[in-house]
């Protein structure tokens, strides 16, 4: 659980920060996306300043909570719910500029959001019970 928060935190912080590096924003996005710093990150993922800022914040939160088992578990659940909502928003929105242009999404984003959500839910559900609860669940004979 804690490793999940640490790794996903580091990855999303890095992804968020690289979204602010113009040479890594290849290609243009359809009209309606609110810039600046909009484009296809690494030539694949639709991003703008808000999308990148959100990724950086999600990463920073993961790195801030990874030392706490309960906070890491809450992070995984929140990430699972949020990214499933983003997947559904992208899947059911035909325009690349969801939320009035604030959040650019494309098929690659949708796929990544779905995978992130599933990984977060699996991690959340597979988390071990705290030691005191394990003892109560499996009393010694």
N, C-alpha and C. Protein backbone atom coordinates (compact mmCIF):
# COMPACT_ATOMS: atom_id res chain seq x y z
N UNK A 1 0.82 -1.18 0.00
CA UNK A 1 0.00 0.00 0.00
C UNK A 1 0.87 1.26 0.00
N UNK A 2 1.79 1.31 0.89
CA UNK A 2 2.65 2.48 0.98
C UNK A 2 3.55 2.60 -0.26
N UNK A 3 4.01 1.49 -0.75
CA UNK A 3 4.85 1.51 -1.95
C UNK A 3 4.04 2.03 -3.14
N UNK A 4 2.76 1.66 -3.22
CA UNK A 4 1.88 2.17 -4.27
C UNK A 4 1.83 3.70 -4.22
N UNK A 5 1.57 4.25 -3.04
CA UNK A 5 1.50 5.71 -2.90
C UNK A 5 2.83 6.37 -3.26
N UNK A 6 3.92 5.74 -2.87
CA UNK A 6 5.24 6.30 -3.15
C UNK A 6 5.54 6.26 -4.65
N UNK A 7 5.31 5.12 -5.29
CA UNK A 7 5.64 4.99 -6.71
C UNK A 7 4.70 5.83 -7.57
N UNK A 8 3.40 5.71 -7.33
CA UNK A 8 2.46 6.50 -8.13
C UNK A 8 2.63 7.99 -7.86
N UNK A 9 2.95 8.33 -6.62
CA UNK A 9 3.22 9.73 -6.30
C UNK A 9 4.40 10.26 -7.09
N UNK A 10 5.49 9.51 -7.12
CA UNK A 10 6.69 9.94 -7.86
C UNK A 10 6.42 10.03 -9.36
N UNK A 11 5.73 9.03 -9.89
CA UNK A 11 5.44 9.01 -11.34
C UNK A 11 4.53 10.18 -11.72
N UNK A 12 3.46 10.38 -10.97
CA UNK A 12 2.54 11.46 -11.33
C UNK A 12 3.15 12.84 -11.10
N UNK A 13 3.99 12.99 -10.10
CA UNK A 13 4.69 14.26 -9.92
C UNK A 13 5.59 14.53 -11.12
N UNK A 14 6.33 13.53 -11.55
CA UNK A 14 7.21 13.67 -12.72
C UNK A 14 6.41 13.97 -13.98
N UNK A 15 5.31 13.26 -14.18
CA UNK A 15 4.47 13.49 -15.35
C UNK A 15 3.91 14.91 -15.31
N UNK A 16 3.47 15.34 -14.13
CA UNK A 16 2.94 16.70 -14.00
C UNK A 16 3.97 17.76 -14.32
N UNK A 17 5.17 17.58 -13.80
CA UNK A 17 6.23 18.58 -14.04
C UNK A 17 6.67 18.59 -15.50
N UNK A 18 6.74 17.43 -16.14
CA UNK A 18 7.15 17.41 -17.55
C UNK A 18 6.07 18.02 -18.45
N UNK A 19 4.84 18.11 -17.95
CA UNK A 19 3.79 18.77 -18.72
C UNK A 19 4.00 20.26 -18.85
N UNK A 20 4.92 20.82 -18.07
CA UNK A 20 5.24 22.24 -18.15
C UNK A 20 6.49 22.51 -18.98
N UNK A 21 7.01 21.49 -19.65
CA UNK A 21 8.21 21.63 -20.49
C UNK A 21 7.76 21.67 -21.95
N UNK A 22 7.71 22.86 -22.56
CA UNK A 22 7.18 22.99 -23.92
C UNK A 22 7.75 22.02 -24.95
N UNK A 23 9.05 21.69 -24.96
CA UNK A 23 9.53 20.75 -25.99
C UNK A 23 8.92 19.35 -25.88
N UNK A 24 8.36 19.01 -24.72
CA UNK A 24 7.75 17.70 -24.54
C UNK A 24 6.27 17.69 -24.93
N UNK A 25 5.75 18.87 -25.31
CA UNK A 25 4.36 18.99 -25.74
C UNK A 25 4.34 19.05 -27.26
N UNK A 26 4.27 17.90 -27.87
CA UNK A 26 4.34 17.78 -29.32
C UNK A 26 2.95 17.78 -29.91
N UNK A 27 2.78 18.50 -31.00
CA UNK A 27 1.50 18.53 -31.68
C UNK A 27 0.52 19.45 -31.00
N UNK A 28 -0.54 19.72 -31.70
CA UNK A 28 -1.55 20.62 -31.17
C UNK A 28 -2.81 19.88 -30.78
N UNK A 29 -3.64 20.56 -30.03
CA UNK A 29 -4.93 20.01 -29.62
C UNK A 29 -6.03 20.74 -30.37
N UNK A 30 -7.21 20.16 -30.41
CA UNK A 30 -8.32 20.83 -31.10
C UNK A 30 -8.67 22.15 -30.43
N UNK A 31 -9.33 23.04 -31.16
CA UNK A 31 -9.75 24.32 -30.56
C UNK A 31 -10.64 24.07 -29.35
N UNK A 32 -10.58 24.97 -28.41
CA UNK A 32 -11.41 24.87 -27.22
C UNK A 32 -10.66 24.49 -25.97
N UNK A 33 -9.42 24.02 -26.11
CA UNK A 33 -8.62 23.67 -24.94
C UNK A 33 -8.01 24.95 -24.38
N UNK A 34 -8.15 25.14 -23.09
CA UNK A 34 -7.62 26.34 -22.46
C UNK A 34 -6.13 26.20 -22.23
N UNK A 35 -5.35 27.03 -22.90
CA UNK A 35 -3.91 27.05 -22.72
C UNK A 35 -3.58 27.95 -21.55
N UNK A 36 -2.36 28.21 -21.32
CA UNK A 36 -1.18 27.87 -22.11
C UNK A 36 -0.69 26.46 -21.80
N UNK A 37 0.42 26.14 -22.41
CA UNK A 37 1.09 24.85 -22.23
C UNK A 37 0.16 23.68 -22.55
N UNK A 38 -0.51 23.78 -23.69
CA UNK A 38 -1.36 22.68 -24.11
C UNK A 38 -0.72 21.99 -25.30
N UNK A 39 -0.96 20.72 -25.41
CA UNK A 39 -0.43 19.92 -26.51
C UNK A 39 -0.48 18.45 -26.14
N UNK A 40 0.21 17.65 -26.93
CA UNK A 40 0.27 16.22 -26.67
C UNK A 40 1.57 15.91 -25.94
N UNK A 41 1.47 15.61 -24.66
CA UNK A 41 2.66 15.30 -23.86
C UNK A 41 3.28 14.02 -24.39
N UNK A 42 4.57 14.11 -24.71
CA UNK A 42 5.32 13.01 -25.33
C UNK A 42 4.69 12.59 -26.65
N UNK A 43 3.88 13.47 -27.23
CA UNK A 43 3.22 13.18 -28.50
C UNK A 43 2.03 12.25 -28.38
N UNK A 44 1.57 11.97 -27.14
CA UNK A 44 0.51 10.98 -26.93
C UNK A 44 -0.67 11.51 -26.11
N UNK A 45 -0.40 12.06 -24.94
CA UNK A 45 -1.44 12.41 -23.98
C UNK A 45 -1.83 13.89 -24.09
N UNK A 46 -3.13 14.16 -24.21
CA UNK A 46 -3.62 15.54 -24.28
C UNK A 46 -3.50 16.18 -22.91
N UNK A 47 -2.77 17.30 -22.83
CA UNK A 47 -2.60 18.01 -21.55
C UNK A 47 -2.66 19.51 -21.78
N UNK A 48 -2.89 20.22 -20.72
CA UNK A 48 -2.73 21.67 -20.67
C UNK A 48 -2.21 21.99 -19.27
N UNK A 49 -2.12 23.26 -18.94
CA UNK A 49 -1.56 23.66 -17.65
C UNK A 49 -2.34 23.05 -16.49
N UNK A 50 -3.68 23.01 -16.59
CA UNK A 50 -4.51 22.49 -15.51
C UNK A 50 -4.30 20.98 -15.33
N UNK A 51 -4.27 20.27 -16.43
CA UNK A 51 -4.07 18.82 -16.41
C UNK A 51 -2.70 18.50 -15.78
N UNK A 52 -1.68 19.23 -16.19
CA UNK A 52 -0.33 19.00 -15.65
C UNK A 52 -0.25 19.38 -14.18
N UNK A 53 -0.89 20.48 -13.80
CA UNK A 53 -0.90 20.90 -12.40
C UNK A 53 -1.61 19.85 -11.53
N UNK A 54 -2.69 19.29 -12.05
CA UNK A 54 -3.42 18.25 -11.32
C UNK A 54 -2.56 17.00 -11.14
N UNK A 55 -1.86 16.59 -12.21
CA UNK A 55 -0.96 15.43 -12.09
C UNK A 55 0.11 15.69 -11.03
N UNK A 56 0.70 16.87 -11.05
CA UNK A 56 1.76 17.20 -10.08
C UNK A 56 1.21 17.18 -8.66
N UNK A 57 0.00 17.71 -8.46
CA UNK A 57 -0.61 17.73 -7.13
C UNK A 57 -0.91 16.31 -6.64
N UNK A 58 -1.45 15.48 -7.53
CA UNK A 58 -1.74 14.09 -7.16
C UNK A 58 -0.44 13.37 -6.78
N UNK A 59 0.61 13.63 -7.52
CA UNK A 59 1.90 13.03 -7.21
C UNK A 59 2.45 13.52 -5.88
N UNK A 60 2.36 14.82 -5.64
CA UNK A 60 2.86 15.38 -4.38
C UNK A 60 2.09 14.82 -3.19
N UNK A 61 0.79 14.63 -3.34
CA UNK A 61 0.00 14.06 -2.25
C UNK A 61 0.44 12.62 -1.98
N UNK A 62 0.66 11.84 -3.03
CA UNK A 62 1.13 10.47 -2.85
C UNK A 62 2.44 10.42 -2.09
N UNK A 63 3.36 11.31 -2.44
CA UNK A 63 4.65 11.34 -1.75
C UNK A 63 4.51 11.85 -0.32
N UNK A 64 3.52 12.69 -0.07
CA UNK A 64 3.32 13.21 1.28
C UNK A 64 2.72 12.17 2.22
N UNK A 65 1.94 11.23 1.67
CA UNK A 65 1.23 10.29 2.54
C UNK A 65 1.83 8.89 2.59
N UNK A 66 2.82 8.60 1.77
CA UNK A 66 3.25 7.20 1.64
C UNK A 66 3.80 6.58 2.92
N UNK A 67 4.21 7.37 3.86
CA UNK A 67 4.77 6.81 5.11
C UNK A 67 3.70 6.32 6.07
N UNK A 68 2.47 6.71 5.83
CA UNK A 68 1.37 6.31 6.70
C UNK A 68 0.52 5.23 6.02
N UNK A 69 0.40 4.06 6.64
CA UNK A 69 -0.42 3.00 6.03
C UNK A 69 -1.87 3.42 5.80
N UNK A 70 -2.48 4.07 6.79
CA UNK A 70 -3.88 4.45 6.63
C UNK A 70 -4.04 5.56 5.59
N UNK A 71 -3.13 6.51 5.55
CA UNK A 71 -3.21 7.58 4.55
C UNK A 71 -2.93 7.03 3.15
N UNK A 72 -2.03 6.07 3.05
CA UNK A 72 -1.75 5.44 1.76
C UNK A 72 -2.96 4.69 1.25
N UNK A 73 -3.66 4.04 2.16
CA UNK A 73 -4.87 3.31 1.78
C UNK A 73 -5.95 4.28 1.30
N UNK A 74 -6.12 5.38 2.01
CA UNK A 74 -7.10 6.40 1.61
C UNK A 74 -6.71 7.02 0.27
N UNK A 75 -5.42 7.21 0.06
CA UNK A 75 -4.91 7.75 -1.22
C UNK A 75 -5.27 6.81 -2.36
N UNK A 76 -5.08 5.51 -2.16
CA UNK A 76 -5.40 4.54 -3.21
C UNK A 76 -6.89 4.56 -3.53
N UNK A 77 -7.72 4.62 -2.51
CA UNK A 77 -9.16 4.65 -2.74
C UNK A 77 -9.57 5.94 -3.46
N UNK A 78 -9.07 7.07 -2.99
CA UNK A 78 -9.41 8.34 -3.63
C UNK A 78 -8.93 8.38 -5.08
N UNK A 79 -7.74 7.86 -5.31
CA UNK A 79 -7.20 7.81 -6.67
C UNK A 79 -8.06 6.91 -7.55
N UNK A 80 -8.47 5.78 -7.03
CA UNK A 80 -9.32 4.87 -7.79
C UNK A 80 -10.64 5.51 -8.18
N UNK A 81 -11.27 6.19 -7.24
CA UNK A 81 -12.55 6.84 -7.52
C UNK A 81 -12.37 8.00 -8.50
N UNK A 82 -11.38 8.84 -8.25
CA UNK A 82 -11.17 10.01 -9.11
C UNK A 82 -10.81 9.62 -10.54
N UNK A 83 -9.93 8.66 -10.68
CA UNK A 83 -9.51 8.27 -12.02
C UNK A 83 -10.59 7.47 -12.76
N UNK A 84 -11.44 6.77 -12.04
CA UNK A 84 -12.58 6.11 -12.70
C UNK A 84 -13.54 7.19 -13.20
N UNK A 85 -13.77 8.22 -12.40
CA UNK A 85 -14.63 9.32 -12.84
C UNK A 85 -14.04 10.01 -14.07
N UNK A 86 -12.73 10.21 -14.09
CA UNK A 86 -12.08 10.82 -15.26
C UNK A 86 -12.19 9.92 -16.48
N UNK A 87 -12.03 8.62 -16.28
CA UNK A 87 -12.19 7.69 -17.40
C UNK A 87 -13.60 7.79 -17.97
N UNK A 88 -14.60 7.76 -17.10
CA UNK A 88 -15.98 7.84 -17.57
C UNK A 88 -16.26 9.18 -18.25
N UNK A 89 -15.74 10.26 -17.71
CA UNK A 89 -15.90 11.58 -18.34
C UNK A 89 -15.30 11.57 -19.74
N UNK A 90 -14.10 11.06 -19.87
CA UNK A 90 -13.45 11.01 -21.18
C UNK A 90 -14.14 10.06 -22.13
N UNK A 91 -14.61 8.94 -21.61
CA UNK A 91 -15.25 7.93 -22.45
C UNK A 91 -16.59 8.42 -23.01
N UNK A 92 -17.34 9.16 -22.18
CA UNK A 92 -18.65 9.62 -22.60
C UNK A 92 -18.66 11.03 -23.17
N UNK A 93 -17.51 11.67 -23.23
CA UNK A 93 -17.40 13.01 -23.81
C UNK A 93 -16.72 12.87 -25.16
N UNK A 94 -17.39 13.31 -26.19
CA UNK A 94 -16.81 13.18 -27.52
C UNK A 94 -15.77 14.25 -27.81
N UNK A 95 -15.89 15.39 -27.16
CA UNK A 95 -14.95 16.48 -27.39
C UNK A 95 -13.65 16.21 -26.62
N UNK A 96 -12.54 16.64 -27.20
CA UNK A 96 -11.24 16.46 -26.54
C UNK A 96 -11.08 17.43 -25.37
N UNK A 97 -11.88 18.48 -25.35
CA UNK A 97 -11.76 19.50 -24.31
C UNK A 97 -12.93 19.41 -23.35
N UNK A 98 -12.85 18.51 -22.39
CA UNK A 98 -13.91 18.33 -21.41
C UNK A 98 -13.92 19.49 -20.42
N UNK A 99 -15.03 19.64 -19.75
CA UNK A 99 -15.21 20.68 -18.73
C UNK A 99 -14.93 22.08 -19.29
N UNK A 100 -15.47 22.36 -20.43
CA UNK A 100 -15.33 23.70 -21.01
C UNK A 100 -13.91 24.03 -21.45
N UNK A 101 -13.14 23.04 -21.81
CA UNK A 101 -11.78 23.27 -22.28
C UNK A 101 -10.73 23.20 -21.19
N UNK A 102 -11.16 23.06 -19.95
CA UNK A 102 -10.22 23.03 -18.84
C UNK A 102 -9.44 21.72 -18.76
N UNK A 103 -10.07 20.63 -19.20
CA UNK A 103 -9.45 19.32 -19.07
C UNK A 103 -9.41 18.60 -20.41
N UNK A 104 -8.30 18.70 -21.13
CA UNK A 104 -8.22 17.98 -22.40
C UNK A 104 -8.04 16.48 -22.16
N UNK A 105 -8.80 15.70 -22.89
CA UNK A 105 -8.73 14.25 -22.77
C UNK A 105 -8.74 13.64 -24.16
N UNK A 106 -8.02 12.53 -24.31
CA UNK A 106 -8.08 11.77 -25.56
C UNK A 106 -8.08 10.29 -25.20
N UNK A 107 -8.07 9.43 -26.19
CA UNK A 107 -8.13 8.00 -25.94
C UNK A 107 -6.98 7.49 -25.09
N UNK A 108 -5.80 8.03 -25.30
CA UNK A 108 -4.64 7.61 -24.49
C UNK A 108 -4.84 8.00 -23.03
N UNK A 109 -5.37 9.20 -22.80
CA UNK A 109 -5.67 9.62 -21.42
C UNK A 109 -6.70 8.70 -20.79
N UNK A 110 -7.75 8.39 -21.56
CA UNK A 110 -8.81 7.52 -21.04
C UNK A 110 -8.25 6.16 -20.63
N UNK A 111 -7.40 5.60 -21.47
CA UNK A 111 -6.81 4.30 -21.17
C UNK A 111 -5.94 4.38 -19.92
N UNK A 112 -5.11 5.41 -19.83
CA UNK A 112 -4.25 5.57 -18.66
C UNK A 112 -5.07 5.80 -17.40
N UNK A 113 -6.15 6.57 -17.50
CA UNK A 113 -7.00 6.81 -16.34
C UNK A 113 -7.66 5.52 -15.88
N UNK A 114 -8.12 4.70 -16.82
CA UNK A 114 -8.73 3.42 -16.46
C UNK A 114 -7.71 2.50 -15.78
N UNK A 115 -6.52 2.40 -16.35
CA UNK A 115 -5.48 1.53 -15.76
C UNK A 115 -5.07 2.01 -14.38
N UNK A 116 -4.93 3.33 -14.21
CA UNK A 116 -4.58 3.88 -12.91
C UNK A 116 -5.67 3.57 -11.89
N UNK A 117 -6.93 3.75 -12.31
CA UNK A 117 -8.05 3.47 -11.41
C UNK A 117 -8.07 2.00 -10.99
N UNK A 118 -7.91 1.11 -11.94
CA UNK A 118 -7.93 -0.32 -11.62
C UNK A 118 -6.78 -0.70 -10.70
N UNK A 119 -5.59 -0.17 -10.97
CA UNK A 119 -4.43 -0.45 -10.11
C UNK A 119 -4.68 0.07 -8.69
N UNK A 120 -5.27 1.24 -8.58
CA UNK A 120 -5.55 1.82 -7.26
C UNK A 120 -6.60 1.00 -6.52
N UNK A 121 -7.66 0.59 -7.20
CA UNK A 121 -8.69 -0.23 -6.56
C UNK A 121 -8.14 -1.59 -6.12
N UNK A 122 -7.36 -2.22 -6.98
CA UNK A 122 -6.78 -3.52 -6.62
C UNK A 122 -5.86 -3.36 -5.42
N UNK A 123 -5.04 -2.32 -5.42
CA UNK A 123 -4.15 -2.08 -4.29
C UNK A 123 -4.95 -1.84 -3.02
N UNK A 124 -5.98 -1.04 -3.13
CA UNK A 124 -6.82 -0.75 -1.96
C UNK A 124 -7.45 -2.03 -1.41
N UNK A 125 -8.00 -2.85 -2.30
CA UNK A 125 -8.69 -4.06 -1.86
C UNK A 125 -7.74 -5.15 -1.36
N UNK A 126 -6.52 -5.16 -1.86
CA UNK A 126 -5.56 -6.18 -1.47
C UNK A 126 -4.74 -5.78 -0.24
N UNK A 127 -4.98 -4.59 0.25
CA UNK A 127 -4.21 -4.13 1.41
C UNK A 127 -4.44 -5.07 2.59
N UNK A 128 -3.39 -5.35 3.28
CA UNK A 128 -3.49 -6.21 4.46
C UNK A 128 -4.15 -5.45 5.59
N UNK A 129 -4.81 -6.19 6.42
CA UNK A 129 -5.39 -5.59 7.61
C UNK A 129 -4.26 -5.18 8.55
N UNK A 130 -4.47 -4.15 9.35
CA UNK A 130 -3.46 -3.80 10.35
C UNK A 130 -3.21 -4.99 11.28
N UNK A 131 -2.05 -5.03 11.87
CA UNK A 131 -1.63 -6.18 12.66
C UNK A 131 -2.62 -6.50 13.78
N UNK A 132 -3.15 -5.50 14.45
CA UNK A 132 -4.07 -5.76 15.56
C UNK A 132 -5.36 -6.41 15.05
N UNK A 133 -5.80 -6.06 13.84
CA UNK A 133 -7.00 -6.66 13.28
C UNK A 133 -6.73 -8.07 12.75
N UNK A 134 -5.52 -8.31 12.25
CA UNK A 134 -5.17 -9.65 11.80
C UNK A 134 -5.23 -10.63 12.96
N UNK A 135 -4.75 -10.20 14.11
CA UNK A 135 -4.80 -11.06 15.29
C UNK A 135 -6.22 -11.36 15.72
N UNK A 136 -7.12 -10.38 15.62
CA UNK A 136 -8.53 -10.59 16.00
C UNK A 136 -9.24 -11.47 14.98
N UNK A 137 -8.85 -11.38 13.72
CA UNK A 137 -9.49 -12.18 12.68
C UNK A 137 -9.02 -13.63 12.72
N UNK A 138 -7.81 -13.88 13.17
CA UNK A 138 -7.24 -15.23 13.22
C UNK A 138 -6.72 -15.52 14.63
N UNK A 139 -7.63 -15.73 15.59
CA UNK A 139 -7.14 -15.98 16.96
C UNK A 139 -6.36 -17.29 17.04
N UNK A 140 -5.37 -17.27 17.88
CA UNK A 140 -4.56 -18.48 18.08
C UNK A 140 -5.32 -19.47 18.95
N UNK A 141 -5.14 -20.73 18.66
CA UNK A 141 -5.84 -21.76 19.43
C UNK A 141 -5.13 -22.04 20.73
